[in-house]
């Protein structure tokens, strides 16, 4: 909603690009990038697409569950750092 207000003020010539960028807390160049994405895709174009991606480093759920069970059942008293170095 905040970008919509700033965009409206900018199109009505009440704000310059620098002022609009300062209000949003971004640089002038980032504000221009936002303008392009907003004009192409609307408000959905401004969403951060990195958040929706799953990390390539993420471990499979079944491996995590097996590791947790192993740690809780056989290696009580070990700290996680030592257990992980043993597991690797």
N, C-alpha and C. Protein backbone atom coordinates (compact mmCIF):
# COMPACT_ATOMS: atom_id res chain seq x y z
N UNK A 1 0.83 -1.20 0.00
CA UNK A 1 0.00 0.00 0.00
C UNK A 1 0.87 1.26 0.00
N UNK A 2 1.99 1.21 0.64
CA UNK A 2 2.83 2.39 0.73
C UNK A 2 3.35 2.79 -0.65
N UNK A 3 3.75 1.80 -1.45
CA UNK A 3 4.26 2.13 -2.79
C UNK A 3 3.18 2.78 -3.62
N UNK A 4 1.94 2.30 -3.50
CA UNK A 4 0.84 2.90 -4.26
C UNK A 4 0.70 4.39 -3.95
N UNK A 5 0.79 4.74 -2.68
CA UNK A 5 0.65 6.14 -2.27
C UNK A 5 1.79 6.99 -2.85
N UNK A 6 3.00 6.48 -2.75
CA UNK A 6 4.16 7.21 -3.26
C UNK A 6 4.08 7.31 -4.78
N UNK A 7 3.68 6.22 -5.43
CA UNK A 7 3.55 6.22 -6.89
C UNK A 7 2.51 7.25 -7.34
N UNK A 8 1.40 7.31 -6.65
CA UNK A 8 0.35 8.28 -6.99
C UNK A 8 0.87 9.70 -6.82
N UNK A 9 1.56 9.96 -5.72
CA UNK A 9 2.12 11.29 -5.50
C UNK A 9 3.16 11.64 -6.56
N UNK A 10 3.95 10.65 -6.98
CA UNK A 10 4.96 10.89 -7.99
C UNK A 10 4.32 11.17 -9.35
N UNK A 11 3.27 10.43 -9.71
CA UNK A 11 2.63 10.66 -11.01
C UNK A 11 1.89 11.99 -11.05
N UNK A 12 1.43 12.45 -9.89
CA UNK A 12 0.75 13.74 -9.83
C UNK A 12 1.73 14.89 -9.68
N UNK A 13 3.03 14.60 -9.76
CA UNK A 13 4.11 15.59 -9.70
C UNK A 13 4.21 16.29 -8.35
N UNK A 14 3.70 15.66 -7.31
CA UNK A 14 3.87 16.23 -5.97
C UNK A 14 5.20 15.84 -5.36
N UNK A 15 5.81 14.75 -5.89
CA UNK A 15 7.10 14.28 -5.40
C UNK A 15 8.05 14.09 -6.58
N UNK A 16 9.32 14.30 -6.33
CA UNK A 16 10.32 13.96 -7.33
C UNK A 16 10.72 12.50 -7.12
N UNK A 17 11.50 11.95 -8.05
CA UNK A 17 11.96 10.58 -7.89
C UNK A 17 12.82 10.44 -6.65
N UNK A 18 13.64 11.41 -6.38
CA UNK A 18 14.51 11.35 -5.21
C UNK A 18 13.71 11.36 -3.93
N UNK A 19 12.70 12.20 -3.85
CA UNK A 19 11.85 12.26 -2.65
C UNK A 19 11.08 10.96 -2.46
N UNK A 20 10.54 10.42 -3.55
CA UNK A 20 9.79 9.17 -3.47
C UNK A 20 10.70 8.03 -3.02
N UNK A 21 11.91 7.99 -3.56
CA UNK A 21 12.85 6.95 -3.16
C UNK A 21 13.23 7.10 -1.69
N UNK A 22 13.41 8.31 -1.24
CA UNK A 22 13.76 8.55 0.16
C UNK A 22 12.63 8.11 1.08
N UNK A 23 11.40 8.35 0.70
CA UNK A 23 10.25 7.92 1.51
C UNK A 23 10.21 6.40 1.62
N UNK A 24 10.50 5.72 0.51
CA UNK A 24 10.48 4.26 0.51
C UNK A 24 11.73 3.66 1.13
N UNK A 25 12.77 4.48 1.31
CA UNK A 25 14.00 3.99 1.91
C UNK A 25 14.88 3.24 0.94
N UNK A 26 14.81 3.60 -0.34
CA UNK A 26 15.63 2.95 -1.37
C UNK A 26 16.35 4.03 -2.16
N UNK A 27 17.25 3.59 -3.04
CA UNK A 27 17.97 4.55 -3.88
C UNK A 27 17.10 4.96 -5.07
N UNK A 28 17.55 5.99 -5.78
CA UNK A 28 16.82 6.46 -6.96
C UNK A 28 16.73 5.35 -8.01
N UNK A 29 17.84 4.64 -8.22
CA UNK A 29 17.86 3.57 -9.21
C UNK A 29 16.89 2.45 -8.85
N UNK A 30 16.83 2.09 -7.59
CA UNK A 30 15.89 1.05 -7.15
C UNK A 30 14.45 1.50 -7.34
N UNK A 31 14.19 2.78 -7.09
CA UNK A 31 12.84 3.30 -7.31
C UNK A 31 12.47 3.20 -8.79
N UNK A 32 13.41 3.50 -9.69
CA UNK A 32 13.12 3.37 -11.12
C UNK A 32 12.88 1.91 -11.50
N UNK A 33 13.61 0.98 -10.89
CA UNK A 33 13.35 -0.44 -11.14
C UNK A 33 11.95 -0.83 -10.67
N UNK A 34 11.59 -0.33 -9.49
CA UNK A 34 10.24 -0.60 -8.97
C UNK A 34 9.18 -0.05 -9.92
N UNK A 35 9.42 1.14 -10.49
CA UNK A 35 8.46 1.73 -11.43
C UNK A 35 8.24 0.82 -12.63
N UNK A 36 9.33 0.32 -13.19
CA UNK A 36 9.20 -0.57 -14.36
C UNK A 36 8.42 -1.83 -14.01
N UNK A 37 8.76 -2.45 -12.87
CA UNK A 37 8.06 -3.67 -12.49
C UNK A 37 6.59 -3.41 -12.17
N UNK A 38 6.31 -2.27 -11.55
CA UNK A 38 4.94 -1.93 -11.20
C UNK A 38 4.10 -1.66 -12.45
N UNK A 39 4.68 -0.98 -13.43
CA UNK A 39 3.95 -0.68 -14.65
C UNK A 39 3.73 -1.93 -15.51
N UNK A 40 4.65 -2.90 -15.43
CA UNK A 40 4.50 -4.14 -16.19
C UNK A 40 3.53 -5.11 -15.54
N UNK A 41 3.67 -5.32 -14.23
CA UNK A 41 2.93 -6.40 -13.56
C UNK A 41 2.02 -5.95 -12.44
N UNK A 42 1.97 -4.67 -12.16
CA UNK A 42 1.15 -4.21 -11.05
C UNK A 42 1.83 -4.48 -9.72
N UNK A 43 1.05 -4.51 -8.67
CA UNK A 43 1.60 -4.67 -7.32
C UNK A 43 2.25 -6.04 -7.14
N UNK A 44 1.81 -7.05 -7.91
CA UNK A 44 2.41 -8.38 -7.82
C UNK A 44 3.85 -8.39 -8.32
N UNK A 45 4.19 -7.46 -9.19
CA UNK A 45 5.55 -7.37 -9.71
C UNK A 45 6.56 -6.91 -8.68
N UNK A 46 6.08 -6.35 -7.57
CA UNK A 46 6.98 -5.85 -6.55
C UNK A 46 7.30 -6.89 -5.47
N UNK A 47 6.64 -8.03 -5.51
CA UNK A 47 6.92 -9.05 -4.49
C UNK A 47 8.30 -9.64 -4.71
N UNK A 48 8.94 -9.98 -3.62
CA UNK A 48 10.28 -10.55 -3.68
C UNK A 48 10.18 -12.02 -4.03
N UNK A 49 10.65 -12.38 -5.20
CA UNK A 49 10.53 -13.75 -5.67
C UNK A 49 11.55 -14.69 -5.04
N UNK A 50 12.56 -14.15 -4.38
CA UNK A 50 13.55 -15.00 -3.71
C UNK A 50 12.94 -15.72 -2.52
N UNK A 51 11.94 -15.13 -1.90
CA UNK A 51 11.33 -15.74 -0.72
C UNK A 51 10.60 -17.02 -1.08
N UNK A 52 10.03 -17.11 -2.25
CA UNK A 52 9.25 -18.28 -2.65
C UNK A 52 10.12 -19.46 -3.07
N UNK A 53 11.39 -19.23 -3.34
CA UNK A 53 12.26 -20.31 -3.79
C UNK A 53 12.78 -21.12 -2.61
N UNK A 54 12.84 -22.44 -2.81
CA UNK A 54 13.39 -23.31 -1.78
C UNK A 54 14.90 -23.36 -1.95
N UNK A 55 15.61 -23.30 -0.85
CA UNK A 55 17.07 -23.30 -0.89
C UNK A 55 17.59 -24.61 -1.46
N UNK A 56 18.61 -24.53 -2.28
CA UNK A 56 19.22 -25.72 -2.85
C UNK A 56 20.03 -26.46 -1.80
N UNK A 57 20.33 -25.80 -0.67
CA UNK A 57 21.08 -26.42 0.41
C UNK A 57 20.20 -27.12 1.42
N UNK A 58 18.90 -27.04 1.26
CA UNK A 58 17.97 -27.60 2.22
C UNK A 58 18.03 -29.13 2.20
N UNK A 59 18.09 -29.72 3.39
CA UNK A 59 18.16 -31.18 3.51
C UNK A 59 16.76 -31.78 3.36
N UNK A 60 16.67 -32.99 2.84
CA UNK A 60 15.36 -33.66 2.74
C UNK A 60 14.77 -33.91 4.12
N UNK A 61 13.44 -33.87 4.22
CA UNK A 61 12.76 -33.99 5.51
C UNK A 61 13.04 -35.33 6.15
N UNK A 62 13.04 -36.43 5.38
CA UNK A 62 13.27 -37.74 5.97
C UNK A 62 14.68 -37.86 6.56
N UNK A 63 15.67 -37.23 5.94
CA UNK A 63 17.02 -37.24 6.49
C UNK A 63 17.09 -36.46 7.80
N UNK A 64 16.41 -35.33 7.86
CA UNK A 64 16.39 -34.52 9.08
C UNK A 64 15.72 -35.28 10.21
N UNK A 65 14.60 -35.94 9.90
CA UNK A 65 13.90 -36.70 10.94
C UNK A 65 14.75 -37.88 11.44
N UNK A 66 15.44 -38.58 10.54
CA UNK A 66 16.31 -39.69 10.95
C UNK A 66 17.47 -39.18 11.79
N UNK A 67 18.04 -38.07 11.43
CA UNK A 67 19.14 -37.48 12.18
C UNK A 67 18.69 -37.06 13.57
N UNK A 68 17.52 -36.45 13.67
CA UNK A 68 16.99 -36.03 14.96
C UNK A 68 16.72 -37.23 15.86
N UNK A 69 16.12 -38.26 15.32
CA UNK A 69 15.84 -39.47 16.08
C UNK A 69 17.14 -40.12 16.57
N UNK A 70 18.13 -40.19 15.71
CA UNK A 70 19.42 -40.76 16.08
C UNK A 70 20.07 -39.98 17.21
N UNK A 71 20.03 -38.66 17.12
CA UNK A 71 20.63 -37.80 18.15
C UNK A 71 19.91 -37.97 19.48
N UNK A 72 18.59 -38.03 19.46
CA UNK A 72 17.82 -38.12 20.70
C UNK A 72 17.88 -39.51 21.33
N UNK A 73 18.10 -40.55 20.55
CA UNK A 73 18.07 -41.89 21.11
C UNK A 73 19.45 -42.43 21.50
N UNK A 74 20.47 -42.17 20.73
CA UNK A 74 21.77 -42.80 20.97
C UNK A 74 22.86 -41.84 21.46
N UNK A 75 22.72 -40.59 21.22
CA UNK A 75 23.81 -39.66 21.52
C UNK A 75 23.40 -38.60 22.53
N UNK A 76 22.70 -39.03 23.56
CA UNK A 76 22.28 -38.11 24.63
C UNK A 76 23.53 -37.65 25.37
N UNK A 77 23.63 -36.37 25.61
CA UNK A 77 24.79 -35.81 26.29
C UNK A 77 25.82 -35.22 25.36
N UNK A 78 25.77 -35.54 24.10
CA UNK A 78 26.68 -34.94 23.14
C UNK A 78 26.14 -33.56 22.78
N UNK A 79 27.05 -32.61 22.58
CA UNK A 79 26.55 -31.34 22.07
C UNK A 79 26.39 -31.46 20.55
N UNK A 80 25.64 -30.57 19.98
CA UNK A 80 25.30 -30.66 18.57
C UNK A 80 26.53 -30.54 17.68
N UNK A 81 27.48 -29.71 18.08
CA UNK A 81 28.69 -29.52 17.27
C UNK A 81 29.45 -30.85 17.13
N UNK A 82 29.65 -31.57 18.25
CA UNK A 82 30.37 -32.83 18.19
C UNK A 82 29.57 -33.90 17.45
N UNK A 83 28.29 -33.92 17.68
CA UNK A 83 27.45 -34.91 16.99
C UNK A 83 27.48 -34.68 15.48
N UNK A 84 27.41 -33.43 15.06
CA UNK A 84 27.40 -33.15 13.62
C UNK A 84 28.73 -33.51 12.99
N UNK A 85 29.85 -33.21 13.67
CA UNK A 85 31.15 -33.58 13.11
C UNK A 85 31.28 -35.09 13.02
N UNK A 86 30.70 -35.84 13.98
CA UNK A 86 30.69 -37.29 13.92
C UNK A 86 29.80 -37.76 12.77
N UNK A 87 28.66 -37.10 12.57
CA UNK A 87 27.71 -37.49 11.55
C UNK A 87 28.26 -37.29 10.14
N UNK A 88 29.00 -36.21 9.96
CA UNK A 88 29.58 -35.91 8.63
C UNK A 88 30.54 -37.00 8.24
